[in-house]
């Protein structure tokens, strides 16, 4: 079974961020991991607006099934992403940047 890694970053405010998540998920797959990210939880973001509360609840559930978190560019600009990283740290999950992970 592949190790699951949650990708945490911006879902709004950045051009082509859906493509960034897809690209990083593909990189994880090539390296033997399974990538999990918010666009898998909510495939029609940002068109289908959801409350931050609902977003956090569902993403926290998805993240809890992972072994670690990789932060991607812009994560610290988003309240929800910062909250998810805080939760991951409280759950003693490893949290590292994409740059560190893929270097």
Foldseek 3Di string as FASTA:
>chain_A
DAAEEEEFADLPDDPPVVVVQVVVQVVQVVVRHGYDYLCVQVVDPPVPPDDLVVSLVSSLVVRVSHQAYEYEPHLVVDPSSVVSVVVCVVVVHHYYYPVVVVD
